[in-house]
C-alpha atoms as a PDB file:
ATOM      1  CA  MET A   1      -0.387   0.027  -0.435  1.00  0.00           C
ATOM      2  CA  GLU A   2       1.482   3.149  -1.063  1.00  0.00           C
ATOM      3  CA  THR A   3       0.492   6.666   0.052  1.00  0.00           C
ATOM      4  CA  LYS A   4       0.334   8.961  -2.239  1.00  0.00           C
ATOM      5  CA  ASN A   5       0.111  12.965  -1.343  1.00  0.00           C
ATOM      6  CA  GLN A   6      -2.967  14.789  -1.357  1.00  0.00           C
ATOM      7  CA  SER A   7      -1.806  16.594  -4.975  1.00  0.00           C
ATOM      8  CA  GLN A   8      -2.496  13.128  -7.433  1.00  0.00           C
ATOM      9  CA  ILE A   9      -6.501  13.654  -6.859  1.00  0.00           C
ATOM     10  CA  THR A  10      -8.286  16.445  -4.989  1.00  0.00           C
ATOM     11  CA  LEU A  11     -11.833  16.244  -3.770  1.00  0.00           C
ATOM     12  CA  THR A  12     -14.104  19.773  -3.539  1.00  0.00           C
ATOM     13  CA  ASP A  13     -15.528  20.456  -0.167  1.00  0.00           C
ATOM     14  CA  ASN A  14     -18.815  19.484  -1.650  1.00  0.00           C
ATOM     15  CA  ALA A  15     -17.213  15.533  -2.530  1.00  0.00           C
ATOM     16  CA  VAL A  16     -15.479  16.129   1.070  1.00  0.00           C
ATOM     17  CA  LYS A  17     -18.789  16.599   3.039  1.00  0.00           C
ATOM     18  CA  ARG A  18     -20.744  13.959   1.069  1.00  0.00           C
ATOM     19  CA  ILE A  19     -18.139  11.695   1.272  1.00  0.00           C
ATOM     20  CA  THR A  20     -17.869  12.139   5.078  1.00  0.00           C
ATOM     21  CA  THR A  21     -22.081  11.763   5.818  1.00  0.00           C
ATOM     22  CA  LEU A  22     -21.799   8.954   3.442  1.00  0.00           C
ATOM     23  CA  ILE A  23     -19.142   7.479   5.834  1.00  0.00           C
ATOM     24  CA  GLN A  24     -20.945   8.001   8.707  1.00  0.00           C
ATOM     25  CA  GLN A  25     -24.822   7.286   7.521  1.00  0.00           C
ATOM     26  CA  GLN A  26     -22.975   3.815   6.529  1.00  0.00           C
ATOM     27  CA  ASN A  27     -20.973   2.928   8.999  1.00  0.00           C
ATOM     28  CA  ARG A  28     -17.017   2.864   7.153  1.00  0.00           C
ATOM     29  CA  GLN A  29     -15.093   4.749   9.153  1.00  0.00           C
ATOM     30  CA  ASP A  30     -12.207   2.300   8.276  1.00  0.00           C
ATOM     31  CA  GLU A  31     -13.244   2.899   4.352  1.00  0.00           C
ATOM     32  CA  GLY A  32     -12.156   5.030   1.117  1.00  0.00           C
ATOM     33  CA  VAL A  33     -13.738   6.178  -1.612  1.00  0.00           C
ATOM     34  CA  ARG A  34     -11.737   3.657  -3.948  1.00  0.00           C
ATOM     35  CA  VAL A  35     -11.476   5.338  -8.083  1.00  0.00           C
ATOM     36  CA  LYS A  36     -10.933   3.537 -10.399  1.00  0.00           C
ATOM     37  CA  VAL A  37     -11.115   3.811 -14.626  1.00  0.00           C
ATOM     38  CA  VAL A  38     -12.301   0.465 -16.548  1.00  0.00           C
ATOM     39  CA  PRO A  39     -12.728  -0.141 -19.574  1.00  0.00           C
ATOM     40  CA  GLY A  40     -16.591   0.306 -21.750  1.00  0.00           C
ATOM     41  CA  GLY A  41     -18.856   2.864 -22.462  1.00  0.00           C
ATOM     42  CA  CYS A  42     -18.513   4.655 -26.030  1.00  0.00           C
ATOM     43  CA  SER A  43     -15.275   6.269 -25.909  1.00  0.00           C
ATOM     44  CA  GLY A  44     -13.307   3.821 -24.433  1.00  0.00           C
ATOM     45  CA  PHE A  45     -13.185   4.286 -20.368  1.00  0.00           C
ATOM     46  CA  LYS A  46     -16.042   4.401 -17.748  1.00  0.00           C
ATOM     47  CA  TYR A  47     -14.904   6.290 -14.232  1.00  0.00           C
ATOM     48  CA  ASP A  48     -16.185   3.368 -11.346  1.00  0.00           C
ATOM     49  CA  LEU A  49     -16.383   4.826  -7.785  1.00  0.00           C
ATOM     50  CA  ASN A  50     -17.783   3.089  -4.509  1.00  0.00           C
ATOM     51  CA  PHE A  51     -16.448   2.607  -0.634  1.00  0.00           C
ATOM     52  CA  GLY A  52     -13.796   0.407  -0.310  1.00  0.00           C
ATOM     53  CA  LYS A  53     -10.287  -0.821   1.980  1.00  0.00           C
ATOM     54  CA  PRO A  54      -7.532  -0.658   0.684  1.00  0.00           C
ATOM     55  CA  SER A  55      -5.665  -3.598  -0.355  1.00  0.00           C
ATOM     56  CA  ALA A  56      -1.554  -4.249  -0.658  1.00  0.00           C
ATOM     57  CA  ASN A  57      -0.965  -3.116  -3.926  1.00  0.00           C
ATOM     58  CA  ASP A  58      -3.283  -0.286  -3.594  1.00  0.00           C
ATOM     59  CA  ILE A  59      -2.385   3.797  -4.050  1.00  0.00           C
ATOM     60  CA  ILE A  60      -3.930   6.030  -1.251  1.00  0.00           C
ATOM     61  CA  VAL A  61      -4.274  10.226  -1.345  1.00  0.00           C
ATOM     62  CA  GLU A  62      -5.881  11.383   1.714  1.00  0.00           C
ATOM     63  CA  TYR A  63      -7.340  14.539   1.292  1.00  0.00           C
ATOM     64  CA  GLN A  64      -8.800  16.397   3.922  1.00  0.00           C
ATOM     65  CA  GLY A  65      -9.378  13.330   5.899  1.00  0.00           C
ATOM     66  CA  VAL A  66     -10.649  11.031   3.195  1.00  0.00           C
ATOM     67  CA  LYS A  67      -9.509   7.938   1.842  1.00  0.00           C
ATOM     68  CA  ILE A  68      -8.969   8.321  -1.679  1.00  0.00           C
ATOM     69  CA  ILE A  69      -7.932   5.096  -2.842  1.00  0.00           C
ATOM     70  CA  THR A  70      -7.147   4.176  -6.743  1.00  0.00           C
ATOM     71  CA  ASP A  71      -4.833   1.031  -8.518  1.00  0.00           C
ATOM     72  CA  GLY A  72      -1.482   1.163 -10.253  1.00  0.00           C
ATOM     73  CA  GLU A  73      -3.114   0.818 -13.431  1.00  0.00           C
ATOM     74  CA  SER A  74      -5.494   3.397 -12.853  1.00  0.00           C
ATOM     75  CA  MET A  75      -3.417   6.899 -11.063  1.00  0.00           C
ATOM     76  CA  PRO A  76      -1.947   7.929 -13.884  1.00  0.00           C
ATOM     77  CA  PHE A  77      -5.378   8.592 -15.874  1.00  0.00           C
ATOM     78  CA  LEU A  78      -5.960  10.304 -12.688  1.00  0.00           C
ATOM     79  CA  ILE A  79      -3.435  12.926 -11.933  1.00  0.00           C
ATOM     80  CA  GLY A  80      -4.473  15.903 -11.368  1.00  0.00           C
ATOM     81  CA  SER A  81      -7.930  14.767 -11.533  1.00  0.00           C
ATOM     82  CA  LYS A  82     -11.139  16.156  -8.905  1.00  0.00           C
ATOM     83  CA  ILE A  83     -14.305  15.062  -7.650  1.00  0.00           C
ATOM     84  CA  GLU A  84     -16.655  16.983  -7.171  1.00  0.00           C
ATOM     85  CA  PHE A  85     -19.767  16.093  -5.895  1.00  0.00           C
ATOM     86  CA  ILE A  86     -23.203  18.253  -7.550  1.00  0.00           C
ATOM     87  CA  GLU A  87     -27.048  18.035  -6.657  1.00  0.00           C
ATOM     88  CA  ASP A  88     -29.076  19.871  -9.497  1.00  0.00           C
ATOM     89  CA  LEU A  89     -32.622  19.487 -11.304  1.00  0.00           C
ATOM     90  CA  HIS A  90     -30.793  16.932 -12.600  1.00  0.00           C
ATOM     91  CA  GLY A  91     -30.223  14.640  -9.482  1.00  0.00           C
ATOM     92  CA  ALA A  92     -27.367  14.054  -7.755  1.00  0.00           C
ATOM     93  CA  ARG A  93     -24.614  12.638  -8.461  1.00  0.00           C
ATOM     94  CA  PHE A  94     -20.126  12.525  -7.941  1.00  0.00           C
ATOM     95  CA  GLU A  95     -18.122  13.471 -11.593  1.00  0.00           C
ATOM     96  CA  VAL A  96     -14.194  12.701 -11.846  1.00  0.00           C
ATOM     97  CA  ILE A  97     -12.498  16.037 -13.935  1.00  0.00           C
ATOM     98  CA  ASN A  98     -10.135  15.219 -15.596  1.00  0.00           C
ATOM     99  CA  PRO A  99      -7.580  17.107 -17.046  1.00  0.00           C
ATOM    100  CA  ASN A 100      -5.890  14.083 -18.882  1.00  0.00           C
ATOM    101  CA  GLU A 101      -9.424  13.049 -21.341  1.00  0.00           C
ATOM    102  CA  ALA A 102      -8.789  13.679 -24.792  1.00  0.00           C
ATOM    103  CA  SER A 103     -12.877  12.845 -25.536  1.00  0.00           C
ATOM    104  CA  GLN A 104     -16.418  12.159 -24.160  1.00  0.00           C
ATOM    105  CA  CYS A 105     -19.214  10.958 -24.774  1.00  0.00           C
ATOM    106  CA  GLY A 106     -22.620  12.610 -26.044  1.00  0.00           C
ATOM    107  CA  CYS A 107     -24.319  11.584 -23.123  1.00  0.00           C
ATOM    108  CA  GLY A 108     -21.220  12.289 -20.325  1.00  0.00           C
ATOM    109  CA  SER A 109     -21.431   8.255 -18.842  1.00  0.00           C
ATOM    110  CA  SER A 110     -17.899   7.727 -20.585  1.00  0.00           C
ATOM    111  CA  VAL A 111     -14.541   9.161 -21.402  1.00  0.00           C
ATOM    112  CA  GLY A 112     -11.589   8.718 -23.491  1.00  0.00           C
ATOM    113  CA  PHE A 113      -7.786   8.974 -22.922  1.00  0.00           C
END
């Protein structure tokens, strides 16, 4: 398990608040937010976000008390990314704002690198 500095992946204040609330509500204090880039969608890749415990080969980024967990294959795609929590007329969701994206599908569910 490798711990990186917080410049690798960041969270907005809204995302920190929402994640902290969910961790407390769901009693997941020993877990973090797992962020992965996985094959799929019309642009080639999509983001997978869920709660989980770190494993031996994971990379952990600590940001304002929140653990962001990823794997070595996903990290190069995620460097410089920011995770936002958005509540609007379309609903509530987490969104990855990633400067490494080369393209995004029309519906916004997949990205290309």
